[in-house]
PDB file of N, CA and C in Angstrom:
ATOM      1  N   MET A   1    -175.838 357.728 167.301  1.00  0.00           N
ATOM      2  CA  MET A   1    -174.772 358.717 167.391  1.00  0.00           C
ATOM      3  C   MET A   1    -173.538 358.266 166.609  1.00  0.00           C
ATOM      4  N   GLN A   2    -173.214 356.982 166.718  1.00  0.00           N
ATOM      5  CA  GLN A   2    -172.035 356.482 166.015  1.00  0.00           C
ATOM      6  C   GLN A   2    -172.198 356.602 164.504  1.00  0.00           C
ATOM      7  N   SER A   3    -173.396 356.307 164.023  1.00  0.00           N
ATOM      8  CA  SER A   3    -173.612 356.392 162.574  1.00  0.00           C
ATOM      9  C   SER A   3    -173.410 357.829 162.091  1.00  0.00           C
ATOM     10  N   GLN A   4    -173.864 358.801 162.876  1.00  0.00           N
ATOM     11  CA  GLN A   4    -173.649 360.203 162.516  1.00  0.00           C
ATOM     12  C   GLN A   4    -172.164 360.504 162.375  1.00  0.00           C
ATOM     13  N   TRP A   5    -171.399 360.009 163.349  1.00  0.00           N
ATOM     14  CA  TRP A   5    -169.949 360.234 163.308  1.00  0.00           C
ATOM     15  C   TRP A   5    -169.355 359.629 162.056  1.00  0.00           C
ATOM     16  N   ARG A   6    -169.815 358.411 161.721  1.00  0.00           N
ATOM     17  CA  ARG A   6    -169.262 357.738 160.545  1.00  0.00           C
ATOM     18  C   ARG A   6    -169.573 358.552 159.294  1.00  0.00           C
ATOM     19  N   GLU A   7    -170.777 359.064 159.195  1.00  0.00           N
ATOM     20  CA  GLU A   7    -171.149 359.886 158.040  1.00  0.00           C
ATOM     21  C   GLU A   7    -170.290 361.135 157.971  1.00  0.00           C
ATOM     22  N   HIS A   8    -170.111 361.769 159.125  1.00  0.00           N
ATOM     23  CA  HIS A   8    -169.311 362.988 159.161  1.00  0.00           C
ATOM     24  C   HIS A   8    -167.875 362.707 158.722  1.00  0.00           C
ATOM     25  N   PHE A   9    -167.336 361.593 159.205  1.00  0.00           N
ATOM     26  CA  PHE A   9    -165.964 361.238 158.860  1.00  0.00           C
ATOM     27  C   PHE A   9    -165.840 360.991 157.361  1.00  0.00           C
ATOM     28  N   LYS A  10    -166.804 360.265 156.804  1.00  0.00           N
ATOM     29  CA  LYS A  10    -166.785 359.989 155.360  1.00  0.00           C
ATOM     30  C   LYS A  10    -166.828 361.305 154.592  1.00  0.00           C
ATOM     31  N   HIS A  11    -167.705 362.204 155.021  1.00  0.00           N
ATOM     32  CA  HIS A  11    -167.868 363.477 154.319  1.00  0.00           C
ATOM     33  C   HIS A  11    -166.574 364.280 154.368  1.00  0.00           C
ATOM     34  N   SER A  12    -165.949 364.350 155.553  1.00  0.00           N
ATOM     35  CA  SER A  12    -164.715 365.131 155.674  1.00  0.00           C
ATOM     36  C   SER A  12    -163.619 364.542 154.793  1.00  0.00           C
ATOM     37  N   ARG A  13    -163.573 363.203 154.702  1.00  0.00           N
ATOM     38  CA  ARG A  13    -162.570 362.594 153.838  1.00  0.00           C
ATOM     39  C   ARG A  13    -162.834 362.969 152.386  1.00  0.00           C
ATOM     40  N   GLN A  14    -164.101 362.971 151.982  1.00  0.00           N
ATOM     41  CA  GLN A  14    -164.429 363.362 150.608  1.00  0.00           C
ATOM     42  C   GLN A  14    -164.019 364.805 150.350  1.00  0.00           C
ATOM     43  N   VAL A  15    -164.255 365.683 151.312  1.00  0.00           N
ATOM     44  CA  VAL A  15    -163.931 367.097 151.152  1.00  0.00           C
ATOM     45  C   VAL A  15    -162.430 367.269 150.976  1.00  0.00           C
ATOM     46  N   THR A  16    -161.643 366.573 151.804  1.00  0.00           N
ATOM     47  CA  THR A  16    -160.192 366.718 151.691  1.00  0.00           C
ATOM     48  C   THR A  16    -159.712 366.209 150.339  1.00  0.00           C
ATOM     49  N   ARG A  17    -160.313 365.106 149.875  1.00  0.00           N
ATOM     50  CA  ARG A  17    -159.915 364.577 148.568  1.00  0.00           C
ATOM     51  C   ARG A  17    -160.240 365.597 147.486  1.00  0.00           C
ATOM     52  N   TRP A  18    -161.412 366.218 147.591  1.00  0.00           N
ATOM     53  CA  TRP A  18    -161.831 367.223 146.607  1.00  0.00           C
ATOM     54  C   TRP A  18    -160.876 368.411 146.637  1.00  0.00           C
ATOM     55  N   GLN A  19    -160.496 368.843 147.845  1.00  0.00           N
ATOM     56  CA  GLN A  19    -159.560 369.958 147.959  1.00  0.00           C
ATOM     57  C   GLN A  19    -158.235 369.613 147.302  1.00  0.00           C
ATOM     58  N   LEU A  20    -157.771 368.371 147.506  1.00  0.00           N
ATOM     59  CA  LEU A  20    -156.508 367.963 146.905  1.00  0.00           C
ATOM     60  C   LEU A  20    -156.615 367.975 145.387  1.00  0.00           C
ATOM     61  N   GLN A  21    -157.759 367.509 144.861  1.00  0.00           N
ATOM     62  CA  GLN A  21    -157.926 367.469 143.410  1.00  0.00           C
ATOM     63  C   GLN A  21    -157.900 368.873 142.823  1.00  0.00           C
ATOM     64  N   PHE A  22    -158.531 369.818 143.511  1.00  0.00           N
ATOM     65  CA  PHE A  22    -158.644 371.167 142.959  1.00  0.00           C
ATOM     66  C   PHE A  22    -157.572 372.110 143.466  1.00  0.00           C
ATOM     67  N   SER A  23    -156.507 371.549 144.036  1.00  0.00           N
ATOM     68  CA  SER A  23    -155.426 372.410 144.505  1.00  0.00           C
ATOM     69  C   SER A  23    -154.614 372.914 143.321  1.00  0.00           C
ATOM     70  N   GLY A  24    -153.864 374.006 143.559  1.00  0.00           N
ATOM     71  CA  GLY A  24    -152.972 374.491 142.521  1.00  0.00           C
ATOM     72  C   GLY A  24    -153.647 375.389 141.501  1.00  0.00           C
ATOM     73  N   SER A  25    -153.148 375.322 140.268  1.00  0.00           N
ATOM     74  CA  SER A  25    -153.562 376.260 139.227  1.00  0.00           C
ATOM     75  C   SER A  25    -155.039 376.100 138.883  1.00  0.00           C
ATOM     76  N   THR A  26    -155.542 374.863 138.926  1.00  0.00           N
ATOM     77  CA  THR A  26    -156.952 374.645 138.590  1.00  0.00           C
ATOM     78  C   THR A  26    -157.837 375.433 139.537  1.00  0.00           C
ATOM     79  N   PHE A  27    -157.514 375.354 140.829  1.00  0.00           N
ATOM     80  CA  PHE A  27    -158.318 376.064 141.820  1.00  0.00           C
ATOM     81  C   PHE A  27    -158.238 377.571 141.592  1.00  0.00           C
ATOM     82  N   GLN A  28    -157.035 378.070 141.298  1.00  0.00           N
ATOM     83  CA  GLN A  28    -156.876 379.504 141.049  1.00  0.00           C
ATOM     84  C   GLN A  28    -157.690 379.937 139.840  1.00  0.00           C
ATOM     85  N   ARG A  29    -157.660 379.105 138.782  1.00  0.00           N
ATOM     86  CA  ARG A  29    -158.419 379.435 137.582  1.00  0.00           C
ATOM     87  C   ARG A  29    -159.909 379.498 137.913  1.00  0.00           C
ATOM     88  N   LEU A  30    -160.384 378.528 138.704  1.00  0.00           N
ATOM     89  CA  LEU A  30    -161.789 378.518 139.089  1.00  0.00           C
ATOM     90  C   LEU A  30    -162.131 379.767 139.891  1.00  0.00           C
ATOM     91  N   GLN A  31    -161.239 380.146 140.821  1.00  0.00           N
ATOM     92  CA  GLN A  31    -161.485 381.341 141.623  1.00  0.00           C
ATOM     93  C   GLN A  31    -161.578 382.566 140.737  1.00  0.00           C
ATOM     94  N   GLN A  32    -160.663 382.693 139.773  1.00  0.00           N
ATOM     95  CA  GLN A  32    -160.680 383.852 138.875  1.00  0.00           C
ATOM     96  C   GLN A  32    -161.998 383.904 138.110  1.00  0.00           C
ATOM     97  N   LYS A  33    -162.397 382.755 137.554  1.00  0.00           N
ATOM     98  CA  LYS A  33    -163.634 382.719 136.781  1.00  0.00           C
ATOM     99  C   LYS A  33    -164.816 383.095 137.670  1.00  0.00           C
ATOM    100  N   HIS A  34    -164.809 382.585 138.912  1.00  0.00           N
ATOM    101  CA  HIS A  34    -165.902 382.859 139.832  1.00  0.00           C
ATOM    102  C   HIS A  34    -165.979 384.349 140.147  1.00  0.00           C
ATOM    103  N   SER A  35    -164.828 384.972 140.407  1.00  0.00           N
ATOM    104  CA  SER A  35    -164.834 386.396 140.734  1.00  0.00           C
ATOM    105  C   SER A  35    -165.321 387.219 139.542  1.00  0.00           C
ATOM    106  N   MET A  36    -164.928 386.813 138.333  1.00  0.00           N
ATOM    107  CA  MET A  36    -165.394 387.522 137.143  1.00  0.00           C
ATOM    108  C   MET A  36    -166.909 387.423 137.034  1.00  0.00           C
ATOM    109  N   MET A  37    -167.449 386.231 137.248  1.00  0.00           N
ATOM    110  CA  MET A  37    -168.898 386.050 137.163  1.00  0.00           C
ATOM    111  C   MET A  37    -169.607 386.858 138.243  1.00  0.00           C
ATOM    112  N   ALA A  38    -168.986 386.933 139.432  1.00  0.00           N
ATOM    113  CA  ALA A  38    -169.577 387.724 140.514  1.00  0.00           C
ATOM    114  C   ALA A  38    -169.620 389.197 140.122  1.00  0.00           C
ATOM    115  N   LEU A  39    -168.521 389.678 139.525  1.00  0.00           N
ATOM    116  CA  LEU A  39    -168.484 391.076 139.089  1.00  0.00           C
ATOM    117  C   LEU A  39    -169.564 391.337 138.043  1.00  0.00           C
ATOM    118  N   LEU A  40    -169.706 390.414 137.099  1.00  0.00           N
ATOM    119  CA  LEU A  40    -170.728 390.578 136.069  1.00  0.00           C
ATOM    120  C   LEU A  40    -172.118 390.614 136.688  1.00  0.00           C
ATOM    121  N   ALA A  41    -172.363 389.728 137.637  1.00  0.00           N
ATOM    122  CA  ALA A  41    -173.673 389.684 138.284  1.00  0.00           C
ATOM    123  C   ALA A  41    -173.955 390.991 139.016  1.00  0.00           C
ATOM    124  N   ILE A  42    -172.941 391.514 139.698  1.00  0.00           N
ATOM    125  CA  ILE A  42    -173.119 392.762 140.440  1.00  0.00           C
ATOM    126  C   ILE A  42    -173.423 393.905 139.478  1.00  0.00           C
ATOM    127  N   SER A  43    -172.664 393.980 138.379  1.00  0.00           N
ATOM    128  CA  SER A  43    -172.880 395.078 137.438  1.00  0.00           C
ATOM    129  C   SER A  43    -174.262 394.982 136.791  1.00  0.00           C
ATOM    130  N   SER A  44    -174.680 393.763 136.438  1.00  0.00           N
ATOM    131  CA  SER A  44    -175.997 393.601 135.824  1.00  0.00           C
ATOM    132  C   SER A  44    -177.094 393.965 136.820  1.00  0.00           C
ATOM    133  N   ALA A  45    -176.908 393.615 138.089  1.00  0.00           N
ATOM    134  CA  ALA A  45    -177.894 393.973 139.106  1.00  0.00           C
ATOM    135  C   ALA A  45    -177.970 395.487 139.251  1.00  0.00           C
ATOM    136  N   ARG A  46    -176.806 396.142 139.193  1.00  0.00           N
ATOM    137  CA  ARG A  46    -176.788 397.605 139.318  1.00  0.00           C
ATOM    138  C   ARG A  46    -177.541 398.245 138.157  1.00  0.00           C
ATOM    139  N   THR A  47    -177.309 397.737 136.930  1.00  0.00           N
ATOM    140  CA  THR A  47    -177.988 398.324 135.772  1.00  0.00           C
ATOM    141  C   THR A  47    -179.497 398.102 135.892  1.00  0.00           C
ATOM    142  N   ALA A  48    -179.898 396.938 136.393  1.00  0.00           N
ATOM    143  CA  ALA A  48    -181.325 396.673 136.574  1.00  0.00           C
ATOM    144  C   ALA A  48    -181.915 397.653 137.582  1.00  0.00           C
ATOM    145  N   GLU A  49    -181.191 397.915 138.664  1.00  0.00           N
ATOM    146  CA  GLU A  49    -181.660 398.863 139.663  1.00  0.00           C
ATOM    147  C   GLU A  49    -181.817 400.262 139.051  1.00  0.00           C
ATOM    148  N   SER A  50    -180.821 400.689 138.285  1.00  0.00           N
ATOM    149  CA  SER A  50    -180.894 402.027 137.698  1.00  0.00           C
ATOM    150  C   SER A  50    -182.064 402.112 136.721  1.00  0.00           C
ATOM    151  N   ARG A  51    -182.333 401.030 135.991  1.00  0.00           N
ATOM    152  CA  ARG A  51    -183.469 401.024 135.065  1.00  0.00           C
ATOM    153  C   ARG A  51    -184.780 401.171 135.832  1.00  0.00           C
ATOM    154  N   LYS A  52    -184.857 400.487 136.988  1.00  0.00           N
ATOM    155  CA  LYS A  52    -186.073 400.549 137.783  1.00  0.00           C
ATOM    156  C   LYS A  52    -186.311 401.984 138.265  1.00  0.00           C
ATOM    157  N   VAL A  53    -185.230 402.623 138.697  1.00  0.00           N
ATOM    158  CA  VAL A  53    -185.346 403.985 139.226  1.00  0.00           C
ATOM    159  C   VAL A  53    -185.694 404.956 138.107  1.00  0.00           C
ATOM    160  N   GLY A  54    -185.031 404.818 136.968  1.00  0.00           N
ATOM    161  CA  GLY A  54    -185.181 405.776 135.889  1.00  0.00           C
ATOM    162  C   GLY A  54    -186.398 405.644 135.059  1.00  0.00           C
TER     163      GLY A  54
END
């Protein structure tokens, strides 16, 4: 049980460090790029669906 806790603690520390690294404008830029890619994926999926139907 203790080893599990130690692993969890290490992981949470890594996550916080990662969050700190990607804070600010870099994180916002990544979010923007991600949302754009999501929109592209959705639109391409829609066109594929319409092709299947038509």
